[in-house]
């Protein structure tokens, strides 16, 4: 009877760690996707900058470009922070579950 209890506990522990690892991989995938979108955004900003610099009066164009760049970077940083928060919440959830299992046995 004791062997089955230990075996079952080990099986549940392994399964819960597997699920947590899958969730964290999804979060890492989201970070990679954000970085790819950021690189595309930066290339668009770069091409817009080149177009602005070709103009004779480029002050207004460069000011709008700077505002767009700052807003875009702020959006990317906020999205990354949300992903990091979700990752921290997932780790807390796993630790809480492990703690609860340790207290029950």
PDB file of N, CA and C in Angstrom:
ATOM      1  N   UNK A   1       0.825  -1.188   0.000  1.00  0.00           N
ATOM      2  CA  UNK A   1       0.000   0.000   0.000  1.00  0.00           C
ATOM      3  C   UNK A   1       0.873   1.256   0.000  1.00  0.00           C
ATOM      4  N   UNK A   2       1.907   1.259   0.793  1.00  0.00           N
ATOM      5  CA  UNK A   2       2.803   2.396   0.879  1.00  0.00           C
ATOM      6  C   UNK A   2       3.510   2.638  -0.451  1.00  0.00           C
ATOM      7  N   UNK A   3       3.882   1.555  -1.138  1.00  0.00           N
ATOM      8  CA  UNK A   3       4.562   1.667  -2.432  1.00  0.00           C
ATOM      9  C   UNK A   3       3.665   2.389  -3.441  1.00  0.00           C
ATOM     10  N   UNK A   4       2.385   2.044  -3.477  1.00  0.00           N
ATOM     11  CA  UNK A   4       1.463   2.665  -4.423  1.00  0.00           C
ATOM     12  C   UNK A   4       1.261   4.144  -4.115  1.00  0.00           C
ATOM     13  N   UNK A   5       1.255   4.481  -2.828  1.00  0.00           N
ATOM     14  CA  UNK A   5       1.102   5.882  -2.439  1.00  0.00           C
ATOM     15  C   UNK A   5       2.311   6.694  -2.909  1.00  0.00           C
ATOM     16  N   UNK A   6       3.503   6.163  -2.727  1.00  0.00           N
ATOM     17  CA  UNK A   6       4.725   6.838  -3.167  1.00  0.00           C
ATOM     18  C   UNK A   6       4.756   6.917  -4.691  1.00  0.00           C
ATOM     19  N   UNK A   7       4.401   5.817  -5.352  1.00  0.00           N
ATOM     20  CA  UNK A   7       4.387   5.790  -6.812  1.00  0.00           C
ATOM     21  C   UNK A   7       3.401   6.814  -7.363  1.00  0.00           C
ATOM     22  N   UNK A   8       2.209   6.867  -6.796  1.00  0.00           N
ATOM     23  CA  UNK A   8       1.185   7.805  -7.242  1.00  0.00           C
ATOM     24  C   UNK A   8       1.633   9.249  -7.018  1.00  0.00           C
ATOM     25  N   UNK A   9       2.233   9.523  -5.863  1.00  0.00           N
ATOM     26  CA  UNK A   9       2.730  10.865  -5.560  1.00  0.00           C
ATOM     27  C   UNK A   9       3.801  11.281  -6.559  1.00  0.00           C
ATOM     28  N   UNK A  10       4.711  10.364  -6.867  1.00  0.00           N
ATOM     29  CA  UNK A  10       5.767  10.667  -7.834  1.00  0.00           C
ATOM     30  C   UNK A  10       5.177  10.922  -9.214  1.00  0.00           C
ATOM     31  N   UNK A  11       4.186  10.139  -9.588  1.00  0.00           N
ATOM     32  CA  UNK A  11       3.546  10.311 -10.889  1.00  0.00           C
ATOM     33  C   UNK A  11       2.851  11.669 -10.985  1.00  0.00           C
ATOM     34  N   UNK A  12       2.143  12.051  -9.947  1.00  0.00           N
ATOM     35  CA  UNK A  12       1.465  13.357  -9.928  1.00  0.00           C
ATOM     36  C   UNK A  12       2.492  14.487  -9.978  1.00  0.00           C
ATOM     37  N   UNK A  13       3.577  14.350  -9.254  1.00  0.00           N
ATOM     38  CA  UNK A  13       4.632  15.368  -9.241  1.00  0.00           C
ATOM     39  C   UNK A  13       5.240  15.535 -10.633  1.00  0.00           C
ATOM     40  N   UNK A  14       5.541  14.440 -11.294  1.00  0.00           N
ATOM     41  CA  UNK A  14       6.140  14.495 -12.632  1.00  0.00           C
ATOM     42  C   UNK A  14       5.164  15.123 -13.621  1.00  0.00           C
ATOM     43  N   UNK A  15       3.899  14.739 -13.540  1.00  0.00           N
ATOM     44  CA  UNK A  15       2.891  15.277 -14.453  1.00  0.00           C
ATOM     45  C   UNK A  15       2.700  16.778 -14.247  1.00  0.00           C
ATOM     46  N   UNK A  16       2.662  17.224 -12.997  1.00  0.00           N
ATOM     47  CA  UNK A  16       2.475  18.660 -12.742  1.00  0.00           C
ATOM     48  C   UNK A  16       3.673  19.464 -13.228  1.00  0.00           C
ATOM     49  N   UNK A  17       4.878  18.922 -13.078  1.00  0.00           N
ATOM     50  CA  UNK A  17       6.066  19.614 -13.593  1.00  0.00           C
ATOM     51  C   UNK A  17       6.044  19.668 -15.113  1.00  0.00           C
ATOM     52  N   UNK A  18       5.551  18.601 -15.749  1.00  0.00           N
ATOM     53  CA  UNK A  18       5.449  18.580 -17.202  1.00  0.00           C
ATOM     54  C   UNK A  18       4.491  19.665 -17.678  1.00  0.00           C
ATOM     55  N   UNK A  19       3.347  19.811 -17.026  1.00  0.00           N
ATOM     56  CA  UNK A  19       2.376  20.834 -17.424  1.00  0.00           C
ATOM     57  C   UNK A  19       2.936  22.239 -17.230  1.00  0.00           C
ATOM     58  N   UNK A  20       3.644  22.436 -16.119  1.00  0.00           N
ATOM     59  CA  UNK A  20       4.233  23.752 -15.872  1.00  0.00           C
ATOM     60  C   UNK A  20       5.289  24.070 -16.927  1.00  0.00           C
ATOM     61  N   UNK A  21       6.079  23.074 -17.298  1.00  0.00           N
ATOM     62  CA  UNK A  21       7.105  23.286 -18.316  1.00  0.00           C
ATOM     63  C   UNK A  21       6.463  23.628 -19.662  1.00  0.00           C
ATOM     64  N   UNK A  22       5.345  22.986 -19.986  1.00  0.00           N
ATOM     65  CA  UNK A  22       4.657  23.289 -21.244  1.00  0.00           C
ATOM     66  C   UNK A  22       4.132  24.725 -21.240  1.00  0.00           C
ATOM     67  N   UNK A  23       3.580  25.165 -20.120  1.00  0.00           N
ATOM     68  CA  UNK A  23       3.072  26.536 -20.032  1.00  0.00           C
ATOM     69  C   UNK A  23       4.203  27.541 -20.171  1.00  0.00           C
ATOM     70  N   UNK A  24       5.345  27.269 -19.551  1.00  0.00           N
ATOM     71  CA  UNK A  24       6.474  28.187 -19.638  1.00  0.00           C
ATOM     72  C   UNK A  24       7.048  28.214 -21.051  1.00  0.00           C
ATOM     73  N   UNK A  25       7.013  27.078 -21.767  1.00  0.00           N
ATOM     74  CA  UNK A  25       7.476  27.075 -23.158  1.00  0.00           C
ATOM     75  C   UNK A  25       6.570  27.943 -24.018  1.00  0.00           C
ATOM     76  N   UNK A  26       5.276  27.911 -23.750  1.00  0.00           N
ATOM     77  CA  UNK A  26       4.345  28.764 -24.488  1.00  0.00           C
ATOM     78  C   UNK A  26       4.638  30.233 -24.256  1.00  0.00           C
ATOM     79  N   UNK A  27       5.010  30.559 -23.030  1.00  0.00           N
ATOM     80  CA  UNK A  27       5.351  31.941 -22.701  1.00  0.00           C
ATOM     81  C   UNK A  27       6.630  32.354 -23.417  1.00  0.00           C
ATOM     82  N   UNK A  28       7.622  31.456 -23.469  1.00  0.00           N
ATOM     83  CA  UNK A  28       8.858  31.765 -24.191  1.00  0.00           C
ATOM     84  C   UNK A  28       8.586  31.956 -25.681  1.00  0.00           C
ATOM     85  N   UNK A  29       7.669  31.156 -26.222  1.00  0.00           N
ATOM     86  CA  UNK A  29       7.290  31.317 -27.630  1.00  0.00           C
ATOM     87  C   UNK A  29       6.665  32.687 -27.858  1.00  0.00           C
ATOM     88  N   UNK A  30       5.858  33.142 -26.915  1.00  0.00           N
ATOM     89  CA  UNK A  30       5.238  34.462 -27.027  1.00  0.00           C
ATOM     90  C   UNK A  30       6.310  35.560 -27.030  1.00  0.00           C
ATOM     91  N   UNK A  31       7.338  35.410 -26.196  1.00  0.00           N
ATOM     92  CA  UNK A  31       8.423  36.396 -26.182  1.00  0.00           C
ATOM     93  C   UNK A  31       9.161  36.417 -27.519  1.00  0.00           C
ATOM     94  N   UNK A  32       9.389  35.258 -28.098  1.00  0.00           N
ATOM     95  CA  UNK A  32      10.054  35.197 -29.398  1.00  0.00           C
ATOM     96  C   UNK A  32       9.214  35.892 -30.465  1.00  0.00           C
ATOM     97  N   UNK A  33       7.901  35.685 -30.411  1.00  0.00           N
ATOM     98  CA  UNK A  33       7.008  36.307 -31.379  1.00  0.00           C
ATOM     99  C   UNK A  33       7.031  37.828 -31.232  1.00  0.00           C
ATOM    100  N   UNK A  34       7.049  38.314 -29.998  1.00  0.00           N
ATOM    101  CA  UNK A  34       7.115  39.761 -29.761  1.00  0.00           C
ATOM    102  C   UNK A  34       8.421  40.325 -30.318  1.00  0.00           C
ATOM    103  N   UNK A  35       9.525  39.612 -30.108  1.00  0.00           N
ATOM    104  CA  UNK A  35      10.813  40.081 -30.629  1.00  0.00           C
ATOM    105  C   UNK A  35      10.824  40.119 -32.152  1.00  0.00           C
ATOM    106  N   UNK A  36      10.195  39.140 -32.797  1.00  0.00           N
ATOM    107  CA  UNK A  36      10.115  39.148 -34.262  1.00  0.00           C
ATOM    108  C   UNK A  36       9.291  40.330 -34.748  1.00  0.00           C
ATOM    109  N   UNK A  37       8.164  40.585 -34.093  1.00  0.00           N
ATOM    110  CA  UNK A  37       7.338  41.735 -34.467  1.00  0.00           C
ATOM    111  C   UNK A  37       8.089  43.041 -34.253  1.00  0.00           C
ATOM    112  N   UNK A  38       8.878  43.094 -33.185  1.00  0.00           N
ATOM    113  CA  UNK A  38       9.661  44.295 -32.896  1.00  0.00           C
ATOM    114  C   UNK A  38      10.697  44.531 -33.994  1.00  0.00           C
ATOM    115  N   UNK A  39      11.338  43.459 -34.464  1.00  0.00           N
ATOM    116  CA  UNK A  39      12.327  43.603 -35.539  1.00  0.00           C
ATOM    117  C   UNK A  39      11.680  44.101 -36.824  1.00  0.00           C
ATOM    118  N   UNK A  40      10.485  43.622 -37.139  1.00  0.00           N
ATOM    119  CA  UNK A  40       9.759  44.105 -38.321  1.00  0.00           C
ATOM    120  C   UNK A  40       9.418  45.581 -38.141  1.00  0.00           C
ATOM    121  N   UNK A  41       8.951  45.940 -36.951  1.00  0.00           N
ATOM    122  CA  UNK A  41       8.619  47.335 -36.660  1.00  0.00           C
ATOM    123  C   UNK A  41       9.845  48.230 -36.831  1.00  0.00           C
ATOM    124  N   UNK A  42      11.000  47.781 -36.327  1.00  0.00           N
ATOM    125  CA  UNK A  42      12.212  48.589 -36.435  1.00  0.00           C
ATOM    126  C   UNK A  42      12.663  48.749 -37.886  1.00  0.00           C
ATOM    127  N   UNK A  43      12.464  47.727 -38.697  1.00  0.00           N
ATOM    128  CA  UNK A  43      12.841  47.857 -40.109  1.00  0.00           C
ATOM    129  C   UNK A  43      11.915  48.838 -40.830  1.00  0.00           C
ATOM    130  N   UNK A  44      10.623  48.834 -40.463  1.00  0.00           N
ATOM    131  CA  UNK A  44       9.691  49.803 -41.054  1.00  0.00           C
ATOM    132  C   UNK A  44      10.067  51.215 -40.634  1.00  0.00           C
ATOM    133  N   UNK A  45      10.397  51.392 -39.366  1.00  0.00           N
ATOM    134  CA  UNK A  45      10.809  52.723 -38.878  1.00  0.00           C
ATOM    135  C   UNK A  45      12.075  53.175 -39.604  1.00  0.00           C
ATOM    136  N   UNK A  46      12.996  52.254 -39.816  1.00  0.00           N
ATOM    137  CA  UNK A  46      14.233  52.602 -40.513  1.00  0.00           C
ATOM    138  C   UNK A  46      13.963  53.051 -41.947  1.00  0.00           C
ATOM    139  N   UNK A  47      13.076  52.343 -42.632  1.00  0.00           N
ATOM    140  CA  UNK A  47      12.764  52.743 -44.010  1.00  0.00           C
ATOM    141  C   UNK A  47      12.028  54.086 -44.032  1.00  0.00           C
ATOM    142  N   UNK A  48      11.160  54.314 -43.056  1.00  0.00           N
ATOM    143  CA  UNK A  48      10.481  55.617 -42.982  1.00  0.00           C
ATOM    144  C   UNK A  48      11.481  56.727 -42.692  1.00  0.00           C
ATOM    145  N   UNK A  49      12.483  56.440 -41.868  1.00  0.00           N
ATOM    146  CA  UNK A  49      13.507  57.437 -41.566  1.00  0.00           C
ATOM    147  C   UNK A  49      14.295  57.791 -42.824  1.00  0.00           C
ATOM    148  N   UNK A  50      14.639  56.774 -43.597  1.00  0.00           N
ATOM    149  CA  UNK A  50      15.360  57.038 -44.849  1.00  0.00           C
ATOM    150  C   UNK A  50      14.528  57.921 -45.780  1.00  0.00           C
ATOM    151  N   UNK A  51      13.214  57.645 -45.842  1.00  0.00           N
ATOM    152  CA  UNK A  51      12.334  58.454 -46.689  1.00  0.00           C
ATOM    153  C   UNK A  51      12.252  59.887 -46.174  1.00  0.00           C
ATOM    154  N   UNK A  52      12.235  60.045 -44.863  1.00  0.00           N
ATOM    155  CA  UNK A  52      12.181  61.403 -44.294  1.00  0.00           C
ATOM    156  C   UNK A  52      13.458  62.180 -44.598  1.00  0.00           C
ATOM    157  N   UNK A  53      14.572  61.499 -44.503  1.00  0.00           N
ATOM    158  CA  UNK A  53      15.848  62.189 -44.718  1.00  0.00           C
ATOM    159  C   UNK A  53      16.044  62.605 -46.173  1.00  0.00           C
ATOM    160  N   UNK A  54      15.333  61.969 -47.090  1.00  0.00           N
ATOM    161  CA  UNK A  54      15.434  62.356 -48.500  1.00  0.00           C
ATOM    162  C   UNK A  54      14.663  63.636 -48.798  1.00  0.00           C
ATOM    163  N   UNK A  55      13.759  64.016 -47.920  1.00  0.00           N
ATOM    164  CA  UNK A  55      12.974  65.233 -48.127  1.00  0.00           C
ATOM    165  C   UNK A  55      13.818  66.460 -47.794  1.00  0.00           C
ATOM    166  N   UNK A  56      13.517  67.560 -48.473  1.00  0.00           N
ATOM    167  CA  UNK A  56      14.251  68.795 -48.239  1.00  0.00           C
ATOM    168  C   UNK A  56      13.913  69.367 -46.865  1.00  0.00           C
ATOM    169  N   UNK A  57      12.615  69.439 -46.537  1.00  0.00           N
ATOM    170  CA  UNK A  57      12.177  69.862 -45.209  1.00  0.00           C
ATOM    171  C   UNK A  57      11.696  68.611 -44.470  1.00  0.00           C
ATOM    172  N   UNK A  58      12.561  68.038 -43.684  1.00  0.00           N
ATOM    173  CA  UNK A  58      12.244  66.745 -43.070  1.00  0.00           C
ATOM    174  C   UNK A  58      11.940  66.854 -41.576  1.00  0.00           C
ATOM    175  N   UNK A  59      11.864  68.052 -41.026  1.00  0.00           N
ATOM    176  CA  UNK A  59      11.656  68.225 -39.586  1.00  0.00           C
ATOM    177  C   UNK A  59      10.352  67.618 -39.086  1.00  0.00           C
ATOM    178  N   UNK A  60       9.249  67.959 -39.750  1.00  0.00           N
ATOM    179  CA  UNK A  60       7.942  67.431 -39.334  1.00  0.00           C
ATOM    180  C   UNK A  60       7.882  65.914 -39.480  1.00  0.00           C
ATOM    181  N   UNK A  61       8.428  65.444 -40.565  1.00  0.00           N
ATOM    182  CA  UNK A  61       8.417  63.997 -40.824  1.00  0.00           C
ATOM    183  C   UNK A  61       9.210  63.261 -39.745  1.00  0.00           C
ATOM    184  N   UNK A  62      10.361  63.792 -39.382  1.00  0.00           N
ATOM    185  CA  UNK A  62      11.185  63.149 -38.361  1.00  0.00           C
ATOM    186  C   UNK A  62      10.537  63.220 -36.976  1.00  0.00           C
ATOM    187  N   UNK A  63       9.828  64.313 -36.689  1.00  0.00           N
ATOM    188  CA  UNK A  63       9.121  64.425 -35.408  1.00  0.00           C
ATOM    189  C   UNK A  63       8.007  63.379 -35.306  1.00  0.00           C
ATOM    190  N   UNK A  64       7.219  63.240 -36.377  1.00  0.00           N
ATOM    191  CA  UNK A  64       6.173  62.206 -36.379  1.00  0.00           C
ATOM    192  C   UNK A  64       6.776  60.812 -36.268  1.00  0.00           C
ATOM    193  N   UNK A  65       7.884  60.616 -36.943  1.00  0.00           N
ATOM    194  CA  UNK A  65       8.570  59.322 -36.887  1.00  0.00           C
ATOM    195  C   UNK A  65       9.053  59.024 -35.473  1.00  0.00           C
ATOM    196  N   UNK A  66       9.579  60.030 -34.795  1.00  0.00           N
ATOM    197  CA  UNK A  66      10.055  59.845 -33.422  1.00  0.00           C
ATOM    198  C   UNK A  66       8.905  59.481 -32.484  1.00  0.00           C
ATOM    199  N   UNK A  67       7.758  60.160 -32.664  1.00  0.00           N
ATOM    200  CA  UNK A  67       6.586  59.856 -31.832  1.00  0.00           C
ATOM    201  C   UNK A  67       6.107  58.435 -32.092  1.00  0.00           C
ATOM    202  N   UNK A  68       6.035  58.055 -33.366  1.00  0.00           N
ATOM    203  CA  UNK A  68       5.607  56.691 -33.706  1.00  0.00           C
ATOM    204  C   UNK A  68       6.561  55.649 -33.137  1.00  0.00           C
ATOM    205  N   UNK A  69       7.855  55.940 -33.201  1.00  0.00           N
ATOM    206  CA  UNK A  69       8.859  55.019 -32.670  1.00  0.00           C
ATOM    207  C   UNK A  69       8.691  54.853 -31.156  1.00  0.00           C
ATOM    208  N   UNK A  70       8.542  55.966 -30.451  1.00  0.00           N
ATOM    209  CA  UNK A  70       8.402  55.903 -28.998  1.00  0.00           C
ATOM    210  C   UNK A  70       7.133  55.144 -28.596  1.00  0.00           C
ATOM    211  N   UNK A  71       6.027  55.400 -29.283  1.00  0.00           N
ATOM    212  CA  UNK A  71       4.779  54.698 -28.976  1.00  0.00           C
ATOM    213  C   UNK A  71       4.897  53.210 -29.264  1.00  0.00           C
ATOM    214  N   UNK A  72       5.509  52.874 -30.380  1.00  0.00           N
ATOM    215  CA  UNK A  72       5.679  51.465 -30.731  1.00  0.00           C
ATOM    216  C   UNK A  72       6.553  50.729 -29.733  1.00  0.00           C
ATOM    217  N   UNK A  73       7.650  51.330 -29.351  1.00  0.00           N
ATOM    218  CA  UNK A  73       8.547  50.687 -28.389  1.00  0.00           C
ATOM    219  C   UNK A  73       7.861  50.536 -27.031  1.00  0.00           C
ATOM    220  N   UNK A  74       7.069  51.517 -26.645  1.00  0.00           N
ATOM    221  CA  UNK A  74       6.327  51.434 -25.388  1.00  0.00           C
ATOM    222  C   UNK A  74       5.337  50.260 -25.431  1.00  0.00           C
ATOM    223  N   UNK A  75       4.657  50.094 -26.561  1.00  0.00           N
ATOM    224  CA  UNK A  75       3.715  48.960 -26.701  1.00  0.00           C
ATOM    225  C   UNK A  75       4.440  47.624 -26.602  1.00  0.00           C
ATOM    226  N   UNK A  76       5.601  47.513 -27.249  1.00  0.00           N
ATOM    227  CA  UNK A  76       6.360  46.255 -27.179  1.00  0.00           C
ATOM    228  C   UNK A  76       6.840  45.977 -25.755  1.00  0.00           C
ATOM    229  N   UNK A  77       7.310  47.018 -25.083  1.00  0.00           N
ATOM    230  CA  UNK A  77       7.770  46.826 -23.700  1.00  0.00           C
ATOM    231  C   UNK A  77       6.627  46.431 -22.775  1.00  0.00           C
ATOM    232  N   UNK A  78       5.458  47.015 -22.974  1.00  0.00           N
ATOM    233  CA  UNK A  78       4.309  46.660 -22.137  1.00  0.00           C
ATOM    234  C   UNK A  78       3.878  45.218 -22.390  1.00  0.00           C
ATOM    235  N   UNK A  79       3.890  44.795 -23.646  1.00  0.00           N
ATOM    236  CA  UNK A  79       3.537  43.405 -23.955  1.00  0.00           C
ATOM    237  C   UNK A  79       4.533  42.436 -23.328  1.00  0.00           C
ATOM    238  N   UNK A  80       5.814  42.784 -23.398  1.00  0.00           N
ATOM    239  CA  UNK A  80       6.837  41.916 -22.787  1.00  0.00           C
ATOM    240  C   UNK A  80       6.641  41.824 -21.280  1.00  0.00           C
ATOM    241  N   UNK A  81       6.323  42.953 -20.648  1.00  0.00           N
ATOM    242  CA  UNK A  81       6.108  42.938 -19.207  1.00  0.00           C
ATOM    243  C   UNK A  81       4.905  42.078 -18.838  1.00  0.00           C
ATOM    244  N   UNK A  82       3.858  42.109 -19.651  1.00  0.00           N
ATOM    245  CA  UNK A  82       2.691  41.263 -19.392  1.00  0.00           C
ATOM    246  C   UNK A  82       3.061  39.788 -19.497  1.00  0.00           C
ATOM    247  N   UNK A  83       3.896  39.461 -20.457  1.00  0.00           N
ATOM    248  CA  UNK A  83       4.335  38.064 -20.602  1.00  0.00           C
ATOM    249  C   UNK A  83       5.183  37.660 -19.407  1.00  0.00           C
ATOM    250  N   UNK A  84       6.076  38.541 -18.968  1.00  0.00           N
ATOM    251  CA  UNK A  84       6.893  38.234 -17.789  1.00  0.00           C
ATOM    252  C   UNK A  84       6.036  38.062 -16.536  1.00  0.00           C
ATOM    253  N   UNK A  85       4.989  38.888 -16.401  1.00  0.00           N
ATOM    254  CA  UNK A  85       4.081  38.736 -15.263  1.00  0.00           C
ATOM    255  C   UNK A  85       3.389  37.384 -15.309  1.00  0.00           C
ATOM    256  N   UNK A  86       2.947  36.985 -16.492  1.00  0.00           N
ATOM    257  CA  UNK A  86       2.282  35.681 -16.622  1.00  0.00           C
ATOM    258  C   UNK A  86       3.240  34.548 -16.279  1.00  0.00           C
ATOM    259  N   UNK A  87       4.489  34.695 -16.668  1.00  0.00           N
ATOM    260  CA  UNK A  87       5.493  33.677 -16.362  1.00  0.00           C
ATOM    261  C   UNK A  87       5.721  33.595 -14.852  1.00  0.00           C
ATOM    262  N   UNK A  88       5.805  34.743 -14.195  1.00  0.00           N
ATOM    263  CA  UNK A  88       5.980  34.743 -12.743  1.00  0.00           C
ATOM    264  C   UNK A  88       4.778  34.140 -12.039  1.00  0.00           C
ATOM    265  N   UNK A  89       3.567  34.468 -12.533  1.00  0.00           N
ATOM    266  CA  UNK A  89       2.352  33.888 -11.935  1.00  0.00           C
ATOM    267  C   UNK A  89       2.347  32.370 -12.079  1.00  0.00           C
ATOM    268  N   UNK A  90       2.788  31.880 -13.220  1.00  0.00           N
ATOM    269  CA  UNK A  90       2.821  30.432 -13.444  1.00  0.00           C
ATOM    270  C   UNK A  90       3.817  29.765 -12.494  1.00  0.00           C
ATOM    271  N   UNK A  91       4.970  30.393 -12.302  1.00  0.00           N
ATOM    272  CA  UNK A  91       5.955  29.828 -11.367  1.00  0.00           C
ATOM    273  C   UNK A  91       5.425  29.843  -9.940  1.00  0.00           C
ATOM    274  N   UNK A  92       4.734  30.903  -9.568  1.00  0.00           N
ATOM    275  CA  UNK A  92       4.144  30.981  -8.223  1.00  0.00           C
ATOM    276  C   UNK A  92       3.101  29.887  -8.050  1.00  0.00           C
ATOM    277  N   UNK A  93       2.301  29.679  -9.071  1.00  0.00           N
ATOM    278  CA  UNK A  93       1.276  28.638  -9.014  1.00  0.00           C
ATOM    279  C   UNK A  93       1.913  27.265  -8.808  1.00  0.00           C
ATOM    280  N   UNK A  94       2.992  26.985  -9.520  1.00  0.00           N
ATOM    281  CA  UNK A  94       3.679  25.693  -9.383  1.00  0.00           C
ATOM    282  C   UNK A  94       4.255  25.553  -7.979  1.00  0.00           C
ATOM    283  N   UNK A  95       4.885  26.606  -7.471  1.00  0.00           N
ATOM    284  CA  UNK A  95       5.453  26.537  -6.114  1.00  0.00           C
ATOM    285  C   UNK A  95       4.357  26.339  -5.076  1.00  0.00           C
ATOM    286  N   UNK A  96       3.241  27.017  -5.251  1.00  0.00           N
ATOM    287  CA  UNK A  96       2.126  26.883  -4.309  1.00  0.00           C
ATOM    288  C   UNK A  96       1.579  25.449  -4.320  1.00  0.00           C
ATOM    289  N   UNK A  97       1.457  24.862  -5.515  1.00  0.00           N
ATOM    290  CA  UNK A  97       0.979  23.480  -5.601  1.00  0.00           C
ATOM    291  C   UNK A  97       1.957  22.515  -4.944  1.00  0.00           C
ATOM    292  N   UNK A  98       3.249  22.724  -5.172  1.00  0.00           N
ATOM    293  CA  UNK A  98       4.256  21.856  -4.552  1.00  0.00           C
ATOM    294  C   UNK A  98       4.211  21.988  -3.034  1.00  0.00           C
ATOM    295  N   UNK A  99       4.075  23.225  -2.559  1.00  0.00           N
ATOM    296  CA  UNK A  99       4.002  23.455  -1.128  1.00  0.00           C
ATOM    297  C   UNK A  99       2.778  22.772  -0.527  1.00  0.00           C
ATOM    298  N   UNK A 100       1.650  22.871  -1.229  1.00  0.00           N
ATOM    299  CA  UNK A 100       0.432  22.237  -0.744  1.00  0.00           C
ATOM    300  C   UNK A 100       0.561  20.725  -0.701  1.00  0.00           C
ATOM    301  N   UNK A 101       1.229  20.150  -1.690  1.00  0.00           N
ATOM    302  CA  UNK A 101       1.425  18.701  -1.698  1.00  0.00           C
ATOM    303  C   UNK A 101       2.366  18.276  -0.579  1.00  0.00           C
ATOM    304  N   UNK A 102       3.384  19.091  -0.326  1.00  0.00           N
ATOM    305  CA  UNK A 102       4.327  18.747   0.751  1.00  0.00           C
ATOM    306  C   UNK A 102       3.659  18.807   2.117  1.00  0.00           C
ATOM    307  N   UNK A 103       2.714  19.737   2.279  1.00  0.00           N
ATOM    308  CA  UNK A 103       2.026  19.846   3.565  1.00  0.00           C
ATOM    309  C   UNK A 103       1.045  18.704   3.779  1.00  0.00           C
ATOM    310  N   UNK A 104       0.505  18.177   2.684  1.00  0.00           N
ATOM    311  CA  UNK A 104      -0.475  17.091   2.810  1.00  0.00           C
ATOM    312  C   UNK A 104       0.172  15.752   3.114  1.00  0.00           C
ATOM    313  N   UNK A 105       1.442  15.584   2.828  1.00  0.00           N
ATOM    314  CA  UNK A 105       2.072  14.266   3.040  1.00  0.00           C
ATOM    315  C   UNK A 105       3.018  14.282   4.197  1.00  0.00           C
TER     316      UNK A 105
END
